[in-house]
Amino acid sequence: MIAAMTSATTRAETSARTRARTEAMAHVMPEPPTRALTPNPMPPAPRRRAPSPPAALRTAVRALAFLAVFAPFVLLGAGASARAGSVRRIVSLNPSLTAIVVRLGAADRLVGIDDYSARILPELAD
């Protein structure tokens, strides 16, 4: 019971000290000015959006961009497929690609493989 009274007294004293400090600081720190509730005399100007090009023009630009990016790959890929039979040596630096080359039956053409494949397939490590 005495501990409860002491704790209540301490709390009351603490809150009284806090109030006294706040009141003492009131003259040192003035309250922040309140904002006037009048509307802004000059509202911001509405943003203008640039007119969008017609849909046909957008589609044509996208198609040209697509062709410019992917046409070299298609053309170079077609030339590589014509020469695929002439590949004599293969270097694979990726374990999954090494497994694919082995499954396709071209393990005899592998001249270089990665460390992981060399541990998993010791017959290729030579």
Protein backbone atom coordinates (compact mmCIF):
# COMPACT_ATOMS: atom_id res chain seq x y z
CA MET A 1 0.00 0.00 0.00
CA ILE A 2 2.82 2.37 0.86
CA ALA A 3 4.60 1.53 -2.42
CA ALA A 4 1.43 2.33 -4.33
CA MET A 5 1.11 5.71 -2.58
CA THR A 6 4.78 6.50 -3.21
CA SER A 7 4.44 5.61 -6.87
CA ALA A 8 1.29 7.72 -7.23
CA THR A 9 2.98 10.64 -5.46
CA THR A 10 6.03 10.31 -7.70
CA ARG A 11 3.87 10.31 -10.81
CA ALA A 12 1.99 13.39 -9.63
CA GLU A 13 5.21 15.21 -8.82
CA THR A 14 6.69 14.28 -12.20
CA SER A 15 3.67 15.54 -14.10
CA ALA A 16 3.65 18.76 -12.02
CA ARG A 17 7.34 19.33 -12.82
CA THR A 18 6.68 18.70 -16.51
CA ARG A 19 3.81 21.20 -16.52
CA ALA A 20 5.98 23.78 -14.74
CA ARG A 21 8.79 23.34 -17.31
CA THR A 22 6.33 23.69 -20.17
CA GLU A 23 4.85 26.87 -18.73
CA ALA A 24 8.33 28.27 -18.07
CA MET A 25 9.35 27.65 -21.68
CA ALA A 26 6.18 29.24 -23.08
CA HIS A 27 7.65 32.74 -23.00
CA VAL A 28 10.92 31.55 -24.58
CA MET A 29 9.38 29.59 -27.43
CA PRO A 30 6.44 31.42 -28.99
CA GLU A 31 3.70 29.42 -30.64
CA PRO A 32 4.11 28.88 -34.35
CA PRO A 33 2.07 31.26 -36.48
CA THR A 34 -1.20 29.88 -37.72
CA ARG A 35 -1.81 29.80 -41.44
CA ALA A 36 -4.46 32.11 -42.73
CA LEU A 37 -7.56 30.35 -43.90
CA THR A 38 -7.93 32.56 -46.95
CA PRO A 39 -7.71 30.86 -50.33
CA ASN A 40 -4.61 31.26 -52.44
CA PRO A 41 -5.15 34.35 -54.63
CA MET A 42 -3.28 32.80 -57.59
CA PRO A 43 -4.09 29.13 -58.15
CA PRO A 44 -1.45 27.20 -60.08
CA ALA A 45 -1.86 27.12 -63.83
CA PRO A 46 -3.17 23.81 -65.19
CA ARG A 47 -0.53 21.64 -66.84
CA ARG A 48 -0.80 21.20 -70.55
CA ARG A 49 -0.11 17.78 -71.97
CA ALA A 50 1.49 17.44 -75.34
CA PRO A 51 -0.92 16.06 -77.88
CA SER A 52 -0.37 12.36 -78.44
CA PRO A 53 0.44 11.16 -81.96
CA PRO A 54 -2.19 9.16 -83.83
CA ALA A 55 -2.43 5.45 -83.06
CA ALA A 56 -1.23 4.45 -86.57
CA LEU A 57 1.95 6.48 -86.14
CA ARG A 58 2.65 4.97 -82.72
CA THR A 59 2.19 1.46 -84.14
CA ALA A 60 4.52 2.19 -87.07
CA VAL A 61 7.23 3.56 -84.77
CA ARG A 62 6.98 0.52 -82.50
CA ALA A 63 7.21 -1.86 -85.48
CA LEU A 64 10.31 -0.08 -86.81
CA ALA A 65 11.94 -0.13 -83.38
CA PHE A 66 11.19 -3.85 -83.08
CA LEU A 67 12.72 -4.57 -86.48
CA ALA A 68 15.77 -2.43 -85.77
CA VAL A 69 16.46 -4.32 -82.57
CA PHE A 70 15.71 -7.89 -83.63
CA ALA A 71 16.57 -7.96 -87.36
CA PRO A 72 20.33 -8.41 -86.78
CA PHE A 73 19.68 -11.40 -84.53
CA VAL A 74 17.43 -13.02 -87.11
CA LEU A 75 19.87 -12.42 -89.94
CA LEU A 76 22.90 -13.57 -87.96
CA GLY A 77 21.00 -16.54 -86.58
CA ALA A 78 20.06 -17.70 -90.09
CA GLY A 79 23.73 -17.63 -91.11
CA ALA A 80 24.74 -19.57 -88.00
CA SER A 81 22.22 -22.32 -88.63
CA ALA A 82 23.66 -22.88 -92.12
CA ARG A 83 27.09 -23.39 -90.55
CA ALA A 84 25.92 -25.53 -87.61
CA GLY A 85 27.17 -28.73 -89.22
CA SER A 86 30.68 -27.36 -89.47
CA VAL A 87 31.14 -26.83 -85.70
CA ARG A 88 34.07 -28.98 -84.56
CA ARG A 89 34.86 -27.67 -81.07
CA ILE A 90 32.51 -26.51 -78.30
CA VAL A 91 33.35 -24.69 -75.06
CA SER A 92 30.55 -24.72 -72.49
CA LEU A 93 30.82 -22.48 -69.42
CA ASN A 94 27.34 -23.24 -68.07
CA PRO A 95 26.45 -26.58 -66.40
CA SER A 96 22.96 -26.71 -67.89
CA LEU A 97 24.29 -26.06 -71.39
CA THR A 98 26.94 -28.73 -70.91
CA ALA A 99 24.20 -31.21 -70.00
CA ILE A 100 22.23 -30.24 -73.12
CA VAL A 101 25.28 -30.73 -75.36
CA VAL A 102 25.89 -34.17 -73.80
CA ARG A 103 22.22 -35.14 -74.26
CA LEU A 104 22.36 -34.07 -77.91
CA GLY A 105 25.25 -36.46 -78.42
CA ALA A 106 27.94 -33.89 -79.02
CA ALA A 107 30.05 -34.71 -75.95
CA ASP A 108 32.98 -35.66 -78.20
CA ARG A 109 33.10 -32.06 -79.52
CA LEU A 110 33.38 -30.50 -76.02
CA VAL A 111 36.89 -29.13 -75.55
CA GLY A 112 36.21 -26.97 -72.49
CA ILE A 113 33.69 -27.17 -69.64
CA ASP A 114 33.07 -25.41 -66.33
CA ASP A 115 34.35 -26.68 -62.97
CA TYR A 116 30.95 -27.89 -61.76
CA SER A 117 30.38 -30.01 -64.87
CA ALA A 118 33.91 -31.41 -64.53
CA ARG A 119 33.10 -32.59 -60.98
CA ILE A 120 29.70 -34.05 -61.93
CA LEU A 121 30.82 -35.64 -65.22
CA PRO A 122 34.43 -36.72 -64.65
CA GLU A 123 34.59 -38.43 -68.06
CA LEU A 124 34.35 -34.96 -69.67
CA ALA A 125 37.04 -33.42 -67.46
CA ASP A 126 39.91 -34.85 -69.50
